[in-house]
PDB file of N, CA and C in Angstrom:
ATOM      1  N   UNK A   1       0.452  63.912   8.812  1.00  0.00           N
ATOM      2  CA  UNK A   1       0.580  63.259   7.469  1.00  0.00           C
ATOM      3  C   UNK A   1      -0.314  62.333   6.771  1.00  0.00           C
ATOM      4  N   UNK A   2      -0.530  62.424   5.684  1.00  0.00           N
ATOM      5  CA  UNK A   2      -1.562  61.133   5.448  1.00  0.00           C
ATOM      6  C   UNK A   2      -1.384  60.017   5.058  1.00  0.00           C
ATOM      7  N   UNK A   3      -2.348  59.052   4.954  1.00  0.00           N
ATOM      8  CA  UNK A   3      -1.995  57.543   5.485  1.00  0.00           C
ATOM      9  C   UNK A   3      -1.548  56.880   4.298  1.00  0.00           C
ATOM     10  N   UNK A   4      -1.455  57.413   2.973  1.00  0.00           N
ATOM     11  CA  UNK A   4      -0.719  57.035   1.632  1.00  0.00           C
ATOM     12  C   UNK A   4       0.777  57.188   2.250  1.00  0.00           C
ATOM     13  N   UNK A   5       1.363  58.746   2.491  1.00  0.00           N
ATOM     14  CA  UNK A   5       2.619  59.384   3.078  1.00  0.00           C
ATOM     15  C   UNK A   5       3.226  58.212   3.898  1.00  0.00           C
ATOM     16  N   UNK A   6       2.423  57.933   5.019  1.00  0.00           N
ATOM     17  CA  UNK A   6       3.163  57.219   5.882  1.00  0.00           C
ATOM     18  C   UNK A   6       3.333  55.711   5.322  1.00  0.00           C
ATOM     19  N   UNK A   7       2.391  55.568   4.386  1.00  0.00           N
ATOM     20  CA  UNK A   7       2.845  53.581   3.999  1.00  0.00           C
ATOM     21  C   UNK A   7       3.767  53.813   3.094  1.00  0.00           C
ATOM     22  N   UNK A   8       3.995  54.638   2.224  1.00  0.00           N
ATOM     23  CA  UNK A   8       5.205  54.982   1.356  1.00  0.00           C
ATOM     24  C   UNK A   8       6.452  55.409   2.419  1.00  0.00           C
ATOM     25  N   UNK A   9       6.404  56.029   3.466  1.00  0.00           N
ATOM     26  CA  UNK A   9       7.392  56.320   4.433  1.00  0.00           C
ATOM     27  C   UNK A   9       7.990  54.468   4.798  1.00  0.00           C
ATOM     28  N   UNK A  10       6.817  53.892   5.217  1.00  0.00           N
ATOM     29  CA  UNK A  10       6.858  52.921   5.985  1.00  0.00           C
ATOM     30  C   UNK A  10       7.741  51.575   4.932  1.00  0.00           C
ATOM     31  N   UNK A  11       7.220  51.590   3.960  1.00  0.00           N
ATOM     32  CA  UNK A  11       7.623  50.923   2.842  1.00  0.00           C
ATOM     33  C   UNK A  11       9.506  51.213   2.440  1.00  0.00           C
ATOM     34  N   UNK A  12       9.637  52.798   2.369  1.00  0.00           N
ATOM     35  CA  UNK A  12      10.430  53.289   2.276  1.00  0.00           C
ATOM     36  C   UNK A  12      11.840  52.373   3.507  1.00  0.00           C
ATOM     37  N   UNK A  13      11.265  52.784   4.321  1.00  0.00           N
ATOM     38  CA  UNK A  13      12.018  52.433   5.418  1.00  0.00           C
ATOM     39  C   UNK A  13      11.887  50.880   5.960  1.00  0.00           C
ATOM     40  N   UNK A  14      11.623  50.239   5.665  1.00  0.00           N
ATOM     41  CA  UNK A  14      11.507  48.643   5.308  1.00  0.00           C
ATOM     42  C   UNK A  14      12.343  48.136   4.299  1.00  0.00           C
ATOM     43  N   UNK A  15      12.665  48.972   3.466  1.00  0.00           N
ATOM     44  CA  UNK A  15      13.911  48.297   2.385  1.00  0.00           C
ATOM     45  C   UNK A  15      14.995  48.989   3.014  1.00  0.00           C
ATOM     46  N   UNK A  16      15.375  50.108   3.738  1.00  0.00           N
ATOM     47  CA  UNK A  16      16.531  50.566   4.573  1.00  0.00           C
ATOM     48  C   UNK A  16      16.772  49.608   5.376  1.00  0.00           C
ATOM     49  N   UNK A  17      15.897  48.845   6.087  1.00  0.00           N
ATOM     50  CA  UNK A  17      16.100  48.016   6.991  1.00  0.00           C
ATOM     51  C   UNK A  17      16.825  46.753   6.322  1.00  0.00           C
ATOM     52  N   UNK A  18      16.703  46.258   5.742  1.00  0.00           N
ATOM     53  CA  UNK A  18      16.923  45.333   4.661  1.00  0.00           C
ATOM     54  C   UNK A  18      18.195  45.293   4.322  1.00  0.00           C
ATOM     55  N   UNK A  19      18.704  46.445   4.019  1.00  0.00           N
ATOM     56  CA  UNK A  19      19.673  46.940   3.522  1.00  0.00           C
ATOM     57  C   UNK A  19      20.926  47.082   4.972  1.00  0.00           C
ATOM     58  N   UNK A  20      20.327  47.326   6.173  1.00  0.00           N
ATOM     59  CA  UNK A  20      21.114  47.660   6.860  1.00  0.00           C
ATOM     60  C   UNK A  20      21.633  46.463   7.449  1.00  0.00           C
ATOM     61  N   UNK A  21      20.737  45.309   7.582  1.00  0.00           N
ATOM     62  CA  UNK A  21      20.533  44.038   7.857  1.00  0.00           C
ATOM     63  C   UNK A  21      22.099  43.570   6.986  1.00  0.00           C
ATOM     64  N   UNK A  22      21.772  43.901   5.764  1.00  0.00           N
ATOM     65  CA  UNK A  22      22.640  43.093   5.113  1.00  0.00           C
ATOM     66  C   UNK A  22      23.944  43.476   5.355  1.00  0.00           C
ATOM     67  N   UNK A  23      24.126  44.894   5.187  1.00  0.00           N
ATOM     68  CA  UNK A  23      25.680  45.620   5.420  1.00  0.00           C
ATOM     69  C   UNK A  23      26.119  45.179   6.753  1.00  0.00           C
ATOM     70  N   UNK A  24      25.137  45.133   8.082  1.00  0.00           N
ATOM     71  CA  UNK A  24      25.672  44.805   9.044  1.00  0.00           C
ATOM     72  C   UNK A  24      26.033  43.224   9.557  1.00  0.00           C
ATOM     73  N   UNK A  25      24.866  42.522   8.922  1.00  0.00           N
ATOM     74  CA  UNK A  25      24.972  41.054   8.878  1.00  0.00           C
ATOM     75  C   UNK A  25      24.396  40.682  10.670  1.00  0.00           C
ATOM     76  N   UNK A  26      23.588  41.240  11.031  1.00  0.00           N
ATOM     77  CA  UNK A  26      23.207  41.016  12.321  1.00  0.00           C
ATOM     78  C   UNK A  26      21.814  42.021  12.478  1.00  0.00           C
ATOM     79  N   UNK A  27      20.859  41.074  13.336  1.00  0.00           N
ATOM     80  CA  UNK A  27      19.496  41.684  13.807  1.00  0.00           C
ATOM     81  C   UNK A  27      19.802  42.387  14.450  1.00  0.00           C
ATOM     82  N   UNK A  28      20.602  42.610  15.616  1.00  0.00           N
ATOM     83  CA  UNK A  28      20.626  42.723  16.989  1.00  0.00           C
ATOM     84  C   UNK A  28      21.896  44.077  17.042  1.00  0.00           C
ATOM     85  N   UNK A  29      22.173  44.653  15.620  1.00  0.00           N
ATOM     86  CA  UNK A  29      22.873  45.710  15.969  1.00  0.00           C
ATOM     87  C   UNK A  29      22.186  46.625  16.275  1.00  0.00           C
ATOM     88  N   UNK A  30      22.446  47.791  17.287  1.00  0.00           N
ATOM     89  CA  UNK A  30      21.635  48.967  17.111  1.00  0.00           C
ATOM     90  C   UNK A  30      20.997  49.793  16.875  1.00  0.00           C
ATOM     91  N   UNK A  31      21.789  50.028  15.313  1.00  0.00           N
ATOM     92  CA  UNK A  31      20.869  50.703  14.242  1.00  0.00           C
ATOM     93  C   UNK A  31      19.802  49.769  14.234  1.00  0.00           C
ATOM     94  N   UNK A  32      20.186  48.666  13.693  1.00  0.00           N
ATOM     95  CA  UNK A  32      18.942  47.740  12.987  1.00  0.00           C
ATOM     96  C   UNK A  32      17.727  47.699  14.013  1.00  0.00           C
ATOM     97  N   UNK A  33      18.242  47.762  15.261  1.00  0.00           N
ATOM     98  CA  UNK A  33      17.192  47.957  16.317  1.00  0.00           C
ATOM     99  C   UNK A  33      16.477  48.906  16.461  1.00  0.00           C
ATOM    100  N   UNK A  34      17.451  50.166  16.380  1.00  0.00           N
ATOM    101  CA  UNK A  34      16.600  51.066  16.484  1.00  0.00           C
ATOM    102  C   UNK A  34      15.736  51.640  15.203  1.00  0.00           C
ATOM    103  N   UNK A  35      15.899  51.169  13.799  1.00  0.00           N
ATOM    104  CA  UNK A  35      15.020  51.192  12.784  1.00  0.00           C
ATOM    105  C   UNK A  35      14.027  50.593  12.656  1.00  0.00           C
ATOM    106  N   UNK A  36      14.235  49.056  13.406  1.00  0.00           N
ATOM    107  CA  UNK A  36      12.918  48.302  13.471  1.00  0.00           C
ATOM    108  C   UNK A  36      11.991  48.791  14.499  1.00  0.00           C
ATOM    109  N   UNK A  37      12.504  49.618  15.836  1.00  0.00           N
ATOM    110  CA  UNK A  37      11.361  50.219  16.634  1.00  0.00           C
ATOM    111  C   UNK A  37      10.549  51.485  16.062  1.00  0.00           C
ATOM    112  N   UNK A  38      11.574  51.968  15.023  1.00  0.00           N
ATOM    113  CA  UNK A  38      10.811  53.568  14.377  1.00  0.00           C
ATOM    114  C   UNK A  38       9.479  52.614  13.326  1.00  0.00           C
ATOM    115  N   UNK A  39      10.059  51.660  12.584  1.00  0.00           N
ATOM    116  CA  UNK A  39       9.169  50.831  11.994  1.00  0.00           C
ATOM    117  C   UNK A  39       7.916  50.815  12.543  1.00  0.00           C
ATOM    118  N   UNK A  40       8.147  49.795  13.741  1.00  0.00           N
ATOM    119  CA  UNK A  40       6.981  49.423  14.761  1.00  0.00           C
ATOM    120  C   UNK A  40       5.756  50.485  15.537  1.00  0.00           C
ATOM    121  N   UNK A  41       6.515  51.601  15.683  1.00  0.00           N
ATOM    122  CA  UNK A  41       5.678  52.761  15.980  1.00  0.00           C
ATOM    123  C   UNK A  41       4.959  53.332  14.718  1.00  0.00           C
ATOM    124  N   UNK A  42       5.649  53.475  13.411  1.00  0.00           N
ATOM    125  CA  UNK A  42       5.110  53.973  12.390  1.00  0.00           C
ATOM    126  C   UNK A  42       3.738  52.666  11.970  1.00  0.00           C
ATOM    127  N   UNK A  43       3.920  51.619  12.514  1.00  0.00           N
ATOM    128  CA  UNK A  43       3.074  50.407  11.778  1.00  0.00           C
ATOM    129  C   UNK A  43       1.888  50.696  13.141  1.00  0.00           C
ATOM    130  N   UNK A  44       1.755  51.021  14.230  1.00  0.00           N
ATOM    131  CA  UNK A  44       1.140  51.180  15.334  1.00  0.00           C
ATOM    132  C   UNK A  44       0.440  52.462  14.445  1.00  0.00           C
ATOM    133  N   UNK A  45       0.661  53.590  14.228  1.00  0.00           N
ATOM    134  CA  UNK A  45      -0.025  54.699  13.639  1.00  0.00           C
ATOM    135  C   UNK A  45      -0.976  54.417  12.512  1.00  0.00           C
ATOM    136  N   UNK A  46      -0.216  53.476  11.456  1.00  0.00           N
ATOM    137  CA  UNK A  46      -1.174  53.538  10.198  1.00  0.00           C
ATOM    138  C   UNK A  46      -2.533  52.452  10.807  1.00  0.00           C
ATOM    139  N   UNK A  47      -1.999  51.469  11.746  1.00  0.00           N
ATOM    140  CA  UNK A  47      -3.429  50.697  12.409  1.00  0.00           C
ATOM    141  C   UNK A  47      -3.893  51.482  13.161  1.00  0.00           C
ATOM    142  N   UNK A  48      -3.938  52.394  13.664  1.00  0.00           N
ATOM    143  CA  UNK A  48      -4.817  53.428  14.279  1.00  0.00           C
ATOM    144  C   UNK A  48      -5.586  54.160  13.568  1.00  0.00           C
ATOM    145  N   UNK A  49      -4.937  54.877  12.296  1.00  0.00           N
ATOM    146  CA  UNK A  49      -5.432  55.575  11.051  1.00  0.00           C
ATOM    147  C   UNK A  49      -6.656  54.840  10.751  1.00  0.00           C
ATOM    148  N   UNK A  50      -6.163  53.575  10.410  1.00  0.00           N
ATOM    149  CA  UNK A  50      -7.177  52.174   9.764  1.00  0.00           C
ATOM    150  C   UNK A  50      -8.002  52.040  10.358  1.00  0.00           C
ATOM    151  N   UNK A  51      -7.914  51.533  11.514  1.00  0.00           N
ATOM    152  CA  UNK A  51      -9.111  51.621  12.753  1.00  0.00           C
ATOM    153  C   UNK A  51      -9.890  52.754  12.729  1.00  0.00           C
ATOM    154  N   UNK A  52     -10.005  53.992  12.918  1.00  0.00           N
ATOM    155  CA  UNK A  52     -10.425  55.295  12.887  1.00  0.00           C
ATOM    156  C   UNK A  52     -11.310  55.288  11.812  1.00  0.00           C
ATOM    157  N   UNK A  53     -10.976  55.143  10.719  1.00  0.00           N
ATOM    158  CA  UNK A  53     -11.438  55.044   8.822  1.00  0.00           C
ATOM    159  C   UNK A  53     -12.521  53.761   9.212  1.00  0.00           C
ATOM    160  N   UNK A  54     -12.329  52.731   9.660  1.00  0.00           N
ATOM    161  CA  UNK A  54     -13.130  51.809   9.621  1.00  0.00           C
ATOM    162  C   UNK A  54     -14.414  51.931  10.674  1.00  0.00           C
ATOM    163  N   UNK A  55     -14.213  52.422  11.462  1.00  0.00           N
ATOM    164  CA  UNK A  55     -15.293  52.607  12.096  1.00  0.00           C
ATOM    165  C   UNK A  55     -16.396  53.676  12.236  1.00  0.00           C
ATOM    166  N   UNK A  56     -15.605  54.463  11.132  1.00  0.00           N
ATOM    167  CA  UNK A  56     -16.391  55.766  10.243  1.00  0.00           C
ATOM    168  C   UNK A  56     -17.747  55.273   9.358  1.00  0.00           C
TER     169      UNK A  56
END
């Protein structure tokens, strides 16, 4: 997946997280935690891509 697509996915997932927190009223709901962890992994992936590009 290209960096632009990953960034778009990140933004979509962040919006989903916001809605999910609003829906559940909790930051520790298992669904919220799971989505948050997925977002964290995506952020790390994006950072790695950007670091590789910066080195080139």
